[in-house]
C-alpha atoms as a PDB file:
ATOM      1  CA  MET A   1       0.099   0.006   0.076  1.00  0.00           C
ATOM      2  CA  PHE A   2       1.648   3.273  -0.935  1.00  0.00           C
ATOM      3  CA  ILE A   3       1.052   6.184   1.253  1.00  0.00           C
ATOM      4  CA  SER A   4       2.009   9.549   0.009  1.00  0.00           C
ATOM      5  CA  ARG A   5       4.889  11.685   1.487  1.00  0.00           C
ATOM      6  CA  ARG A   6       2.310  14.573   2.921  1.00  0.00           C
ATOM      7  CA  VAL A   7       0.028  12.013   4.770  1.00  0.00           C
ATOM      8  CA  LEU A   8       2.861  10.402   6.281  1.00  0.00           C
ATOM      9  CA  PHE A   9       4.305  13.891   7.231  1.00  0.00           C
ATOM     10  CA  ILE A  10       0.917  14.832   8.866  1.00  0.00           C
ATOM     11  CA  SER A  11       0.372  11.834  10.640  1.00  0.00           C
ATOM     12  CA  LEU A  12       3.859  12.103  12.177  1.00  0.00           C
ATOM     13  CA  LEU A  13       3.415  15.471  13.170  1.00  0.00           C
ATOM     14  CA  ALA A  14       0.039  14.609  15.036  1.00  0.00           C
ATOM     15  CA  PHE A  15       1.518  11.532  16.526  1.00  0.00           C
ATOM     16  CA  ALA A  16       4.575  14.086  17.966  1.00  0.00           C
ATOM     17  CA  ALA A  17       1.915  16.523  19.338  1.00  0.00           C
ATOM     18  CA  THR A  18       0.097  13.947  20.776  1.00  0.00           C
ATOM     19  CA  LEU A  19       3.295  12.412  22.887  1.00  0.00           C
ATOM     20  CA  ILE A  20       4.229  15.637  23.641  1.00  0.00           C
ATOM     21  CA  ALA A  21       1.056  16.693  25.052  1.00  0.00           C
ATOM     22  CA  ALA A  22       0.981  13.555  27.114  1.00  0.00           C
ATOM     23  CA  ILE A  23       4.670  14.068  28.470  1.00  0.00           C
ATOM     24  CA  PHE A  24       3.948  17.638  29.707  1.00  0.00           C
ATOM     25  CA  THR A  25       0.668  16.871  31.091  1.00  0.00           C
ATOM     26  CA  ALA A  26       1.976  14.238  32.870  1.00  0.00           C
ATOM     27  CA  THR A  27       4.774  16.314  34.399  1.00  0.00           C
ATOM     28  CA  THR A  28       2.869  19.726  35.250  1.00  0.00           C
ATOM     29  CA  MET A  29      -0.511  17.644  36.679  1.00  0.00           C
ATOM     30  CA  PRO A  30      -0.335  17.350  40.431  1.00  0.00           C
ATOM     31  CA  ALA A  31      -0.527  14.100  42.001  1.00  0.00           C
ATOM     32  CA  ARG A  32      -3.539  14.957  44.332  1.00  0.00           C
ATOM     33  CA  ALA A  33      -5.490  18.085  44.583  1.00  0.00           C
ATOM     34  CA  ALA A  34      -5.524  19.471  48.045  1.00  0.00           C
ATOM     35  CA  PRO A  35      -9.181  20.196  49.490  1.00  0.00           C
ATOM     36  CA  PRO A  36     -10.533  23.318  48.545  1.00  0.00           C
ATOM     37  CA  GLY A  37      -9.720  26.180  51.076  1.00  0.00           C
ATOM     38  CA  ALA A  38      -6.460  24.109  52.423  1.00  0.00           C
ATOM     39  CA  PRO A  39      -3.485  25.705  52.902  1.00  0.00           C
ATOM     40  CA  GLN A  40      -1.129  25.072  50.068  1.00  0.00           C
ATOM     41  CA  ALA A  41       2.552  24.281  51.361  1.00  0.00           C
ATOM     42  CA  ALA A  42       5.341  25.655  49.480  1.00  0.00           C
ATOM     43  CA  ALA A  43       7.626  22.790  47.912  1.00  0.00           C
ATOM     44  CA  LEU A  44      11.395  23.182  48.818  1.00  0.00           C
ATOM     45  CA  SER A  45      13.778  23.281  45.799  1.00  0.00           C
ATOM     46  CA  HIS A  46      17.184  22.085  46.005  1.00  0.00           C
ATOM     47  CA  PHE A  47      19.912  23.468  43.790  1.00  0.00           C
ATOM     48  CA  SER A  48      23.056  20.947  44.274  1.00  0.00           C
ATOM     49  CA  MET A  49      26.769  21.402  42.808  1.00  0.00           C
ATOM     50  CA  SER A  50      29.768  19.433  42.930  1.00  0.00           C
ATOM     51  CA  ALA A  51      32.707  20.883  44.653  1.00  0.00           C
ATOM     52  CA  TRP A  52      34.454  20.858  41.283  1.00  0.00           C
ATOM     53  CA  ALA A  53      32.239  24.140  41.003  1.00  0.00           C
ATOM     54  CA  PHE A  54      34.489  25.846  43.642  1.00  0.00           C
ATOM     55  CA  ARG A  55      37.657  27.572  42.233  1.00  0.00           C
ATOM     56  CA  PRO A  56      40.524  28.928  44.465  1.00  0.00           C
ATOM     57  CA  ILE A  57      40.452  33.079  44.889  1.00  0.00           C
ATOM     58  CA  THR A  58      44.370  32.919  44.480  1.00  0.00           C
ATOM     59  CA  SER A  59      46.511  31.279  42.129  1.00  0.00           C
ATOM     60  CA  SER A  60      48.814  30.153  44.975  1.00  0.00           C
ATOM     61  CA  THR A  61      46.040  27.666  46.224  1.00  0.00           C
ATOM     62  CA  THR A  62      46.028  24.348  44.727  1.00  0.00           C
ATOM     63  CA  TYR A  63      43.904  21.478  44.757  1.00  0.00           C
ATOM     64  CA  GLY A  64      43.316  17.592  44.412  1.00  0.00           C
ATOM     65  CA  VAL A  65      40.773  15.204  44.287  1.00  0.00           C
ATOM     66  CA  SER A  66      40.546  12.298  46.659  1.00  0.00           C
ATOM     67  CA  ALA A  67      39.560   8.441  45.787  1.00  0.00           C
ATOM     68  CA  SER A  68      36.005   9.236  47.119  1.00  0.00           C
ATOM     69  CA  ASP A  69      35.711  11.882  44.214  1.00  0.00           C
ATOM     70  CA  CYS A  70      36.032  14.839  46.937  1.00  0.00           C
ATOM     71  CA  MET A  71      37.975  18.144  46.777  1.00  0.00           C
ATOM     72  CA  TYR A  72      40.521  19.203  48.812  1.00  0.00           C
ATOM     73  CA  ALA A  73      43.464  22.113  48.946  1.00  0.00           C
ATOM     74  CA  THR A  74      46.820  20.641  48.362  1.00  0.00           C
ATOM     75  CA  SER A  75      48.821  24.120  48.867  1.00  0.00           C
ATOM     76  CA  LYS A  76      48.153  27.364  50.019  1.00  0.00           C
ATOM     77  CA  SER A  77      49.770  30.992  50.545  1.00  0.00           C
ATOM     78  CA  GLY A  78      47.219  32.484  53.276  1.00  0.00           C
ATOM     79  CA  PRO A  79      44.042  31.267  53.707  1.00  0.00           C
ATOM     80  CA  ALA A  80      42.557  28.844  51.312  1.00  0.00           C
ATOM     81  CA  ILE A  81      39.338  29.937  50.071  1.00  0.00           C
ATOM     82  CA  PHE A  82      37.461  28.591  47.056  1.00  0.00           C
ATOM     83  CA  LEU A  83      34.487  30.427  45.593  1.00  0.00           C
ATOM     84  CA  ALA A  84      31.288  28.978  43.594  1.00  0.00           C
ATOM     85  CA  GLU A  85      28.433  31.166  41.609  1.00  0.00           C
ATOM     86  CA  LEU A  86      24.996  30.848  42.815  1.00  0.00           C
ATOM     87  CA  PRO A  87      22.675  30.916  39.609  1.00  0.00           C
ATOM     88  CA  LEU A  88      19.239  30.704  41.401  1.00  0.00           C
ATOM     89  CA  PRO A  89      15.904  32.301  40.038  1.00  0.00           C
ATOM     90  CA  GLU A  90      14.973  35.878  40.628  1.00  0.00           C
ATOM     91  CA  ALA A  91      12.965  36.239  43.734  1.00  0.00           C
ATOM     92  CA  SER A  92      13.623  32.472  45.001  1.00  0.00           C
ATOM     93  CA  ILE A  93      14.051  32.521  48.702  1.00  0.00           C
ATOM     94  CA  ILE A  94      17.006  30.683  50.201  1.00  0.00           C
ATOM     95  CA  LYS A  95      16.363  28.597  53.146  1.00  0.00           C
ATOM     96  CA  SER A  96      19.400  26.869  54.149  1.00  0.00           C
ATOM     97  CA  VAL A  97      22.865  25.483  52.537  1.00  0.00           C
ATOM     98  CA  SER A  98      24.020  22.261  52.890  1.00  0.00           C
ATOM     99  CA  PHE A  99      27.376  20.308  51.927  1.00  0.00           C
ATOM    100  CA  ARG A 100      28.631  17.115  52.145  1.00  0.00           C
ATOM    101  CA  TYR A 101      32.219  16.396  53.369  1.00  0.00           C
ATOM    102  CA  ARG A 102      35.018  13.986  54.324  1.00  0.00           C
ATOM    103  CA  ASN A 103      37.130  15.231  57.418  1.00  0.00           C
ATOM    104  CA  PRO A 104      39.343  12.321  58.363  1.00  0.00           C
ATOM    105  CA  GLY A 105      41.484  15.037  60.276  1.00  0.00           C
ATOM    106  CA  LEU A 106      40.861  17.491  62.921  1.00  0.00           C
ATOM    107  CA  PRO A 107      40.341  20.565  61.079  1.00  0.00           C
ATOM    108  CA  VAL A 108      37.082  22.107  60.745  1.00  0.00           C
ATOM    109  CA  SER A 109      35.764  23.690  57.374  1.00  0.00           C
ATOM    110  CA  TYR A 110      33.082  26.132  56.431  1.00  0.00           C
ATOM    111  CA  VAL A 111      30.922  26.822  53.731  1.00  0.00           C
ATOM    112  CA  THR A 112      29.132  30.305  53.508  1.00  0.00           C
ATOM    113  CA  LEU A 113      26.375  31.833  51.651  1.00  0.00           C
ATOM    114  CA  PHE A 114      27.432  35.368  50.493  1.00  0.00           C
ATOM    115  CA  ALA A 115      25.522  38.075  48.838  1.00  0.00           C
ATOM    116  CA  ASN A 116      27.629  41.164  46.989  1.00  0.00           C
ATOM    117  CA  THR A 117      25.563  44.102  46.641  1.00  0.00           C
ATOM    118  CA  GLY A 118      27.447  47.238  45.366  1.00  0.00           C
ATOM    119  CA  GLY A 119      30.915  45.490  45.990  1.00  0.00           C
ATOM    120  CA  ILE A 120      29.900  45.012  49.789  1.00  0.00           C
ATOM    121  CA  GLU A 121      29.641  41.374  50.625  1.00  0.00           C
ATOM    122  CA  SER A 122      27.755  40.339  53.440  1.00  0.00           C
ATOM    123  CA  SER A 123      27.656  36.780  55.140  1.00  0.00           C
ATOM    124  CA  LYS A 124      24.055  35.124  54.905  1.00  0.00           C
ATOM    125  CA  THR A 125      24.645  31.733  56.592  1.00  0.00           C
ATOM    126  CA  GLN A 126      27.382  29.112  57.256  1.00  0.00           C
ATOM    127  CA  ALA A 127      27.493  25.587  57.700  1.00  0.00           C
ATOM    128  CA  ALA A 128      30.594  24.008  59.851  1.00  0.00           C
ATOM    129  CA  ALA A 129      31.622  20.318  59.661  1.00  0.00           C
ATOM    130  CA  ALA A 130      32.224  18.706  62.506  1.00  0.00           C
ATOM    131  CA  ALA A 131      35.720  18.234  63.578  1.00  0.00           C
ATOM    132  CA  GLY A 132      37.139  14.670  63.302  1.00  0.00           C
ATOM    133  CA  THR A 133      34.107  13.676  61.610  1.00  0.00           C
ATOM    134  CA  ALA A 134      35.121  11.161  58.934  1.00  0.00           C
ATOM    135  CA  ILE A 135      31.894  11.704  56.627  1.00  0.00           C
ATOM    136  CA  GLY A 136      29.149  14.103  57.075  1.00  0.00           C
ATOM    137  CA  VAL A 137      26.841  16.640  55.906  1.00  0.00           C
ATOM    138  CA  ALA A 138      26.561  20.192  57.620  1.00  0.00           C
ATOM    139  CA  THR A 139      23.648  22.178  57.304  1.00  0.00           C
ATOM    140  CA  SER A 140      23.140  25.923  58.139  1.00  0.00           C
ATOM    141  CA  PRO A 141      20.327  27.429  60.375  1.00  0.00           C
ATOM    142  CA  GLU A 142      17.270  28.148  58.443  1.00  0.00           C
ATOM    143  CA  ILE A 143      17.431  31.562  56.738  1.00  0.00           C
ATOM    144  CA  THR A 144      15.085  33.382  54.714  1.00  0.00           C
ATOM    145  CA  VAL A 145      17.144  35.435  51.932  1.00  0.00           C
ATOM    146  CA  THR A 146      15.110  36.519  48.716  1.00  0.00           C
ATOM    147  CA  VAL A 147      17.172  36.284  45.636  1.00  0.00           C
ATOM    148  CA  ASP A 148      17.121  39.848  43.684  1.00  0.00           C
ATOM    149  CA  LEU A 149      19.476  39.958  40.803  1.00  0.00           C
ATOM    150  CA  SER A 150      18.931  43.412  39.725  1.00  0.00           C
ATOM    151  CA  ASP A 151      22.224  44.398  41.841  1.00  0.00           C
ATOM    152  CA  THR A 152      23.432  41.348  44.091  1.00  0.00           C
ATOM    153  CA  PHE A 153      25.501  38.518  43.358  1.00  0.00           C
ATOM    154  CA  TYR A 154      25.205  35.223  45.082  1.00  0.00           C
ATOM    155  CA  PHE A 155      28.030  33.118  45.571  1.00  0.00           C
ATOM    156  CA  LEU A 156      29.216  30.463  47.973  1.00  0.00           C
ATOM    157  CA  SER A 157      32.419  30.196  49.756  1.00  0.00           C
ATOM    158  CA  TRP A 158      34.300  27.094  50.913  1.00  0.00           C
ATOM    159  CA  TYR A 159      37.134  27.709  53.552  1.00  0.00           C
ATOM    160  CA  PRO A 160      39.007  24.472  54.244  1.00  0.00           C
ATOM    161  CA  ASN A 161      40.990  25.486  56.936  1.00  0.00           C
ATOM    162  CA  ASP A 162      43.687  23.451  56.052  1.00  0.00           C
ATOM    163  CA  ALA A 163      46.042  22.207  52.846  1.00  0.00           C
ATOM    164  CA  SER A 164      45.665  18.501  52.892  1.00  0.00           C
ATOM    165  CA  GLU A 165      43.524  15.554  52.642  1.00  0.00           C
ATOM    166  CA  SER A 166      42.396  15.771  56.277  1.00  0.00           C
ATOM    167  CA  VAL A 167      39.483  18.311  54.955  1.00  0.00           C
ATOM    168  CA  GLN A 168      37.761  17.269  51.674  1.00  0.00           C
ATOM    169  CA  LEU A 169      34.263  18.910  50.058  1.00  0.00           C
ATOM    170  CA  CYS A 170      32.253  16.637  48.254  1.00  0.00           C
ATOM    171  CA  SER A 171      28.954  18.691  46.935  1.00  0.00           C
ATOM    172  CA  VAL A 172      26.998  21.628  48.414  1.00  0.00           C
ATOM    173  CA  GLN A 173      23.255  21.788  48.371  1.00  0.00           C
ATOM    174  CA  VAL A 174      21.073  25.081  48.686  1.00  0.00           C
ATOM    175  CA  ASN A 175      17.727  24.592  49.834  1.00  0.00           C
ATOM    176  CA  TYR A 176      15.239  27.274  48.167  1.00  0.00           C
ATOM    177  CA  LEU A 177      11.751  28.111  47.828  1.00  0.00           C
ATOM    178  CA  LYS A 178      10.856  29.014  44.199  1.00  0.00           C
ATOM    179  CA  SER A 179       9.427  32.406  43.497  1.00  0.00           C
ATOM    180  CA  PRO A 180       5.395  32.666  43.314  1.00  0.00           C
ATOM    181  CA  VAL A 181       5.897  33.857  39.541  1.00  0.00           C
ATOM    182  CA  PHE A 182       8.640  31.594  38.504  1.00  0.00           C
ATOM    183  CA  GLY A 183       7.391  30.106  35.717  1.00  0.00           C
ATOM    184  CA  ALA A 184       4.022  31.919  35.848  1.00  0.00           C
ATOM    185  CA  PHE A 185       4.554  33.062  32.020  1.00  0.00           C
ATOM    186  CA  LEU A 186       5.778  29.662  30.683  1.00  0.00           C
ATOM    187  CA  PRO A 187       3.291  28.231  28.271  1.00  0.00           C
ATOM    188  CA  SER A 188       1.525  25.262  29.816  1.00  0.00           C
ATOM    189  CA  VAL A 189      -0.568  22.669  27.819  1.00  0.00           C
ATOM    190  CA  MET A 190      -4.225  21.717  29.277  1.00  0.00           C
ATOM    191  CA  ARG A 191      -6.389  18.831  28.214  1.00  0.00           C
END
């Protein structure tokens, strides 16, 4: 049976549109609707980054990778400080910062959230790894920082406090609430 190219093309387009609509409907529909009048809890979102997103602030600080794929400072001249940009959506509300670490030695390490407005850095929160803890997760106290990208730059700072494998950063997670207007102007597919 012979099918013209035009008919075949149109039927493939219709199939693709049906498939795309099904995918978007499945990913945008909530699992269960809340009862009418019930308060809606905001879902906490997470931005995770590898330790490799961090870079030293001076060229005299070098770093290496451990067998567990964590990063550590190998040498330093002065304090070893590593920075990573924090690309969060506008008007998001940062709630906390967590980091996974390996500290087989005694030194303590810190991950700090900073905001830089007009060249002035201000510390927003800090998580500290427990000294002597082999593997762990450190979480900062809960905060409320609204992301304003019009004049503020957000970044994370890691201070390992030692240039050896005794202090390692494995990953960082920033917990935040999405802005109520985030995605408000994105197209949606409805049945």
